[in-house]
């Protein structure tokens, strides 16, 4: 499959992997653009006790129109560079939603 956006790739389980650059402790929750090969996601939650990771998962679920339990952190639990797996969505739809063309 050709690459749609640098931060999304198809996952062998039928969903997508989304590479994130997390910015915890921001003034508000938002998708803040693209930084290199990662989607920059700002959340107001602090980077402690998994709070920021849960906030990012919720923001991704909302933006992609999937349930929160379909979003799973697979890499980078205590690092700003993270990878989330999102089940039940095609790469094209995810790319459109996260780049502002969907939802």
N, C-alpha and C. Protein backbone atom coordinates (compact mmCIF):
# COMPACT_ATOMS: atom_id res chain seq x y z
N UNK A 1 0.84 -1.19 0.00
CA UNK A 1 0.00 0.00 0.00
C UNK A 1 0.88 1.24 0.00
N UNK A 2 0.59 2.22 -0.83
CA UNK A 2 1.36 3.45 -0.79
C UNK A 2 1.11 4.20 0.52
N UNK A 3 2.10 4.92 0.94
CA UNK A 3 1.98 5.68 2.19
C UNK A 3 1.08 6.88 1.97
N UNK A 4 0.05 7.00 2.81
CA UNK A 4 -0.90 8.11 2.69
C UNK A 4 -0.39 9.35 3.40
N UNK A 5 0.01 9.18 4.63
CA UNK A 5 0.61 10.23 5.44
C UNK A 5 1.74 9.57 6.21
N UNK A 6 2.76 10.30 6.60
CA UNK A 6 3.93 9.65 7.20
C UNK A 6 3.69 9.03 8.56
N UNK A 7 2.63 9.40 9.24
CA UNK A 7 2.42 8.93 10.61
C UNK A 7 1.44 7.77 10.73
N UNK A 8 0.90 7.28 9.62
CA UNK A 8 -0.06 6.16 9.66
C UNK A 8 0.46 5.03 8.79
N UNK A 9 0.32 3.80 9.31
CA UNK A 9 0.58 2.64 8.49
C UNK A 9 -0.45 1.57 8.82
N UNK A 10 -0.73 0.71 7.85
CA UNK A 10 -1.66 -0.38 8.09
C UNK A 10 -1.04 -1.35 9.08
N UNK A 11 -1.89 -1.92 9.93
CA UNK A 11 -1.46 -2.91 10.90
C UNK A 11 -1.94 -4.27 10.42
N UNK A 12 -1.14 -5.30 10.65
CA UNK A 12 -1.51 -6.64 10.19
C UNK A 12 -2.79 -7.15 10.85
N UNK A 13 -3.21 -6.56 11.95
CA UNK A 13 -4.43 -7.00 12.64
C UNK A 13 -5.70 -6.38 12.04
N UNK A 14 -5.56 -5.57 11.00
CA UNK A 14 -6.73 -5.00 10.35
C UNK A 14 -7.04 -3.57 10.72
N UNK A 15 -6.20 -2.95 11.47
CA UNK A 15 -6.38 -1.54 11.83
C UNK A 15 -5.21 -0.72 11.32
N UNK A 16 -4.85 0.29 12.08
CA UNK A 16 -3.72 1.13 11.71
C UNK A 16 -2.82 1.37 12.92
N UNK A 17 -1.59 1.72 12.64
CA UNK A 17 -0.65 2.21 13.65
C UNK A 17 -0.48 3.70 13.41
N UNK A 18 -0.57 4.47 14.48
CA UNK A 18 -0.43 5.93 14.37
C UNK A 18 0.76 6.34 15.22
N UNK A 19 1.76 6.95 14.57
CA UNK A 19 2.95 7.45 15.27
C UNK A 19 2.66 8.85 15.78
N UNK A 20 2.88 9.05 17.08
CA UNK A 20 2.51 10.28 17.77
C UNK A 20 3.74 10.95 18.38
N UNK A 21 3.74 12.27 18.37
CA UNK A 21 4.65 13.08 19.19
C UNK A 21 3.75 13.73 20.23
N UNK A 22 3.85 13.28 21.47
CA UNK A 22 2.98 13.75 22.54
C UNK A 22 3.50 15.05 23.14
N UNK A 23 2.58 15.96 23.41
CA UNK A 23 2.90 17.22 24.10
C UNK A 23 1.93 17.33 25.28
N UNK A 24 2.29 16.71 26.42
CA UNK A 24 1.42 16.77 27.60
C UNK A 24 1.51 18.13 28.29
N UNK A 25 0.53 18.42 29.13
CA UNK A 25 0.54 19.67 29.89
C UNK A 25 0.23 20.90 29.06
N UNK A 26 -0.41 20.72 27.91
CA UNK A 26 -0.77 21.85 27.05
C UNK A 26 -2.01 22.55 27.59
N UNK A 27 -2.33 23.70 27.01
CA UNK A 27 -3.49 24.45 27.48
C UNK A 27 -4.81 23.79 27.10
N UNK A 28 -4.80 22.97 26.02
CA UNK A 28 -6.03 22.27 25.61
C UNK A 28 -5.66 21.03 24.81
N UNK A 29 -6.64 20.13 24.69
CA UNK A 29 -6.45 18.91 23.92
C UNK A 29 -6.70 19.20 22.45
N UNK A 30 -5.73 18.82 21.60
CA UNK A 30 -5.91 19.06 20.17
C UNK A 30 -4.86 18.31 19.36
N UNK A 31 -5.20 18.07 18.11
CA UNK A 31 -4.22 17.58 17.16
C UNK A 31 -3.54 18.82 16.62
N UNK A 32 -2.23 18.91 16.86
CA UNK A 32 -1.50 20.15 16.62
C UNK A 32 -0.72 20.16 15.32
N UNK A 33 -0.90 19.16 14.47
CA UNK A 33 -0.22 19.15 13.19
C UNK A 33 0.71 17.96 13.04
N UNK A 34 1.65 18.09 12.13
CA UNK A 34 2.59 17.02 11.83
C UNK A 34 3.99 17.51 12.16
N UNK A 35 4.77 16.64 12.78
CA UNK A 35 6.16 16.94 13.11
C UNK A 35 7.00 15.78 12.60
N UNK A 36 7.66 15.99 11.46
CA UNK A 36 8.42 14.91 10.84
C UNK A 36 7.50 13.79 10.40
N UNK A 37 7.75 12.58 10.92
CA UNK A 37 6.92 11.43 10.57
C UNK A 37 5.91 11.10 11.66
N UNK A 38 5.57 12.09 12.48
CA UNK A 38 4.65 11.87 13.60
C UNK A 38 3.53 12.91 13.61
N UNK A 39 2.39 12.48 14.12
CA UNK A 39 1.27 13.38 14.35
C UNK A 39 1.48 14.02 15.71
N UNK A 40 1.52 15.33 15.76
CA UNK A 40 1.74 16.04 17.02
C UNK A 40 0.39 16.20 17.72
N UNK A 41 0.31 15.65 18.95
CA UNK A 41 -0.93 15.67 19.71
C UNK A 41 -0.67 16.33 21.06
N UNK A 42 -1.37 17.42 21.31
CA UNK A 42 -1.23 18.16 22.57
C UNK A 42 -2.42 17.81 23.47
N UNK A 43 -2.12 17.52 24.73
CA UNK A 43 -3.18 17.24 25.71
C UNK A 43 -2.89 18.00 26.99
N UNK A 44 -3.95 18.36 27.69
CA UNK A 44 -3.79 19.11 28.93
C UNK A 44 -3.36 18.22 30.10
N UNK A 45 -3.58 16.93 29.98
CA UNK A 45 -3.22 16.00 31.05
C UNK A 45 -1.71 15.98 31.27
N UNK A 46 -1.29 15.82 32.53
CA UNK A 46 0.14 15.76 32.82
C UNK A 46 0.73 14.40 32.44
N UNK A 47 2.04 14.35 32.23
CA UNK A 47 2.70 13.10 31.86
C UNK A 47 3.02 12.24 33.09
N UNK A 48 2.00 11.88 33.83
CA UNK A 48 2.22 11.08 35.03
C UNK A 48 1.09 10.08 35.20
N UNK A 49 1.45 8.89 35.60
CA UNK A 49 0.45 7.86 35.85
C UNK A 49 -0.38 7.46 34.65
N UNK A 50 0.12 7.65 33.45
CA UNK A 50 -0.61 7.29 32.25
C UNK A 50 -1.72 8.25 31.86
N UNK A 51 -1.82 9.38 32.56
CA UNK A 51 -2.91 10.33 32.29
C UNK A 51 -2.84 10.89 30.87
N UNK A 52 -1.65 11.30 30.45
CA UNK A 52 -1.51 11.86 29.10
C UNK A 52 -1.78 10.78 28.04
N UNK A 53 -1.32 9.56 28.28
CA UNK A 53 -1.57 8.48 27.33
C UNK A 53 -3.06 8.22 27.17
N UNK A 54 -3.80 8.21 28.27
CA UNK A 54 -5.25 8.01 28.20
C UNK A 54 -5.93 9.17 27.48
N UNK A 55 -5.46 10.38 27.72
CA UNK A 55 -6.03 11.55 27.04
C UNK A 55 -5.78 11.48 25.53
N UNK A 56 -4.59 11.06 25.14
CA UNK A 56 -4.27 10.93 23.71
C UNK A 56 -5.14 9.85 23.08
N UNK A 57 -5.29 8.72 23.76
CA UNK A 57 -6.13 7.64 23.24
C UNK A 57 -7.57 8.13 23.05
N UNK A 58 -8.08 8.88 24.00
CA UNK A 58 -9.44 9.42 23.89
C UNK A 58 -9.57 10.40 22.74
N UNK A 59 -8.57 11.25 22.57
CA UNK A 59 -8.59 12.23 21.49
C UNK A 59 -8.53 11.53 20.13
N UNK A 60 -7.67 10.52 20.01
CA UNK A 60 -7.60 9.76 18.76
C UNK A 60 -8.92 9.06 18.47
N UNK A 61 -9.50 8.43 19.48
CA UNK A 61 -10.78 7.73 19.29
C UNK A 61 -11.85 8.70 18.80
N UNK A 62 -11.92 9.86 19.42
CA UNK A 62 -12.91 10.86 19.03
C UNK A 62 -12.68 11.33 17.60
N UNK A 63 -11.44 11.64 17.26
CA UNK A 63 -11.12 12.14 15.92
C UNK A 63 -11.39 11.10 14.84
N UNK A 64 -11.19 9.82 15.19
CA UNK A 64 -11.34 8.74 14.21
C UNK A 64 -12.74 8.12 14.22
N UNK A 65 -13.56 8.50 15.18
CA UNK A 65 -14.91 7.96 15.24
C UNK A 65 -14.96 6.50 15.64
N UNK A 66 -14.05 6.09 16.52
CA UNK A 66 -14.05 4.72 17.04
C UNK A 66 -14.18 4.76 18.55
N UNK A 67 -14.50 3.62 19.13
CA UNK A 67 -14.58 3.54 20.59
C UNK A 67 -13.18 3.61 21.18
N UNK A 68 -13.11 4.15 22.38
CA UNK A 68 -11.82 4.30 23.06
C UNK A 68 -11.13 2.95 23.26
N UNK A 69 -11.90 1.88 23.46
CA UNK A 69 -11.28 0.58 23.67
C UNK A 69 -10.66 0.01 22.40
N UNK A 70 -10.83 0.67 21.26
CA UNK A 70 -10.18 0.27 20.01
C UNK A 70 -8.81 0.91 19.85
N UNK A 71 -8.45 1.80 20.77
CA UNK A 71 -7.16 2.51 20.70
C UNK A 71 -6.25 1.97 21.80
N UNK A 72 -5.08 1.48 21.40
CA UNK A 72 -4.16 0.84 22.34
C UNK A 72 -2.75 1.40 22.16
N UNK A 73 -2.13 1.78 23.25
CA UNK A 73 -0.73 2.21 23.22
C UNK A 73 0.15 0.98 23.07
N UNK A 74 0.97 0.94 22.01
CA UNK A 74 1.83 -0.22 21.79
C UNK A 74 3.31 0.08 21.96
N UNK A 75 3.67 1.37 22.02
CA UNK A 75 5.08 1.73 22.16
C UNK A 75 5.21 3.13 22.75
N UNK A 76 6.16 3.30 23.67
CA UNK A 76 6.48 4.61 24.21
C UNK A 76 5.65 5.08 25.38
N UNK A 77 5.31 4.21 26.34
CA UNK A 77 4.44 4.64 27.44
C UNK A 77 4.98 5.81 28.26
N UNK A 78 6.31 5.93 28.35
CA UNK A 78 6.88 7.03 29.14
C UNK A 78 7.79 7.92 28.30
N UNK A 79 7.54 7.94 27.01
CA UNK A 79 8.36 8.71 26.07
C UNK A 79 7.43 9.58 25.23
N UNK A 80 7.87 10.76 24.80
CA UNK A 80 6.99 11.60 23.98
C UNK A 80 6.69 11.01 22.60
N UNK A 81 7.57 10.15 22.09
CA UNK A 81 7.31 9.50 20.81
C UNK A 81 6.62 8.17 21.09
N UNK A 82 5.39 8.05 20.61
CA UNK A 82 4.53 6.91 20.93
C UNK A 82 3.96 6.31 19.65
N UNK A 83 3.50 5.07 19.77
CA UNK A 83 2.76 4.43 18.68
C UNK A 83 1.48 3.86 19.28
N UNK A 84 0.36 4.21 18.67
CA UNK A 84 -0.95 3.69 19.07
C UNK A 84 -1.49 2.81 17.95
N UNK A 85 -2.09 1.69 18.33
CA UNK A 85 -2.80 0.83 17.38
C UNK A 85 -4.28 1.18 17.49
N UNK A 86 -4.92 1.38 16.34
CA UNK A 86 -6.35 1.67 16.30
C UNK A 86 -7.01 0.58 15.47
N UNK A 87 -7.91 -0.17 16.10
CA UNK A 87 -8.60 -1.25 15.41
C UNK A 87 -9.88 -0.77 14.77
N UNK A 88 -10.30 -1.49 13.73
CA UNK A 88 -11.59 -1.23 13.13
C UNK A 88 -11.66 -0.01 12.23
N UNK A 89 -10.53 0.38 11.67
CA UNK A 89 -10.53 1.54 10.76
C UNK A 89 -9.51 1.29 9.66
N UNK A 90 -9.84 1.72 8.46
CA UNK A 90 -8.93 1.59 7.32
C UNK A 90 -7.97 2.77 7.30
N UNK A 91 -6.80 2.54 6.74
CA UNK A 91 -5.75 3.57 6.71
C UNK A 91 -6.22 4.83 5.99
N UNK A 92 -6.95 4.67 4.88
CA UNK A 92 -7.40 5.84 4.13
C UNK A 92 -8.34 6.70 4.96
N UNK A 93 -9.26 6.05 5.67
CA UNK A 93 -10.21 6.79 6.51
C UNK A 93 -9.50 7.47 7.67
N UNK A 94 -8.54 6.77 8.28
CA UNK A 94 -7.79 7.35 9.39
C UNK A 94 -6.99 8.56 8.91
N UNK A 95 -6.34 8.44 7.77
CA UNK A 95 -5.55 9.55 7.24
C UNK A 95 -6.44 10.75 6.95
N UNK A 96 -7.61 10.52 6.37
CA UNK A 96 -8.53 11.61 6.07
C UNK A 96 -9.01 12.29 7.34
N UNK A 97 -9.39 11.50 8.34
CA UNK A 97 -9.91 12.07 9.59
C UNK A 97 -8.84 12.86 10.34
N UNK A 98 -7.63 12.34 10.40
CA UNK A 98 -6.58 12.99 11.18
C UNK A 98 -5.94 14.17 10.46
N UNK A 99 -6.09 14.22 9.15
CA UNK A 99 -5.52 15.35 8.41
C UNK A 99 -6.56 16.44 8.16
N UNK A 100 -7.74 16.29 8.76
CA UNK A 100 -8.77 17.33 8.64
C UNK A 100 -9.77 17.10 7.54
N UNK A 101 -9.68 15.98 6.83
CA UNK A 101 -10.60 15.73 5.74
C UNK A 101 -11.81 14.90 6.10
N UNK A 102 -11.89 14.46 7.35
CA UNK A 102 -13.01 13.61 7.74
C UNK A 102 -13.63 14.09 9.02
N UNK A 103 -14.56 13.26 9.55
CA UNK A 103 -15.36 13.51 10.77
C UNK A 103 -16.02 14.81 10.67
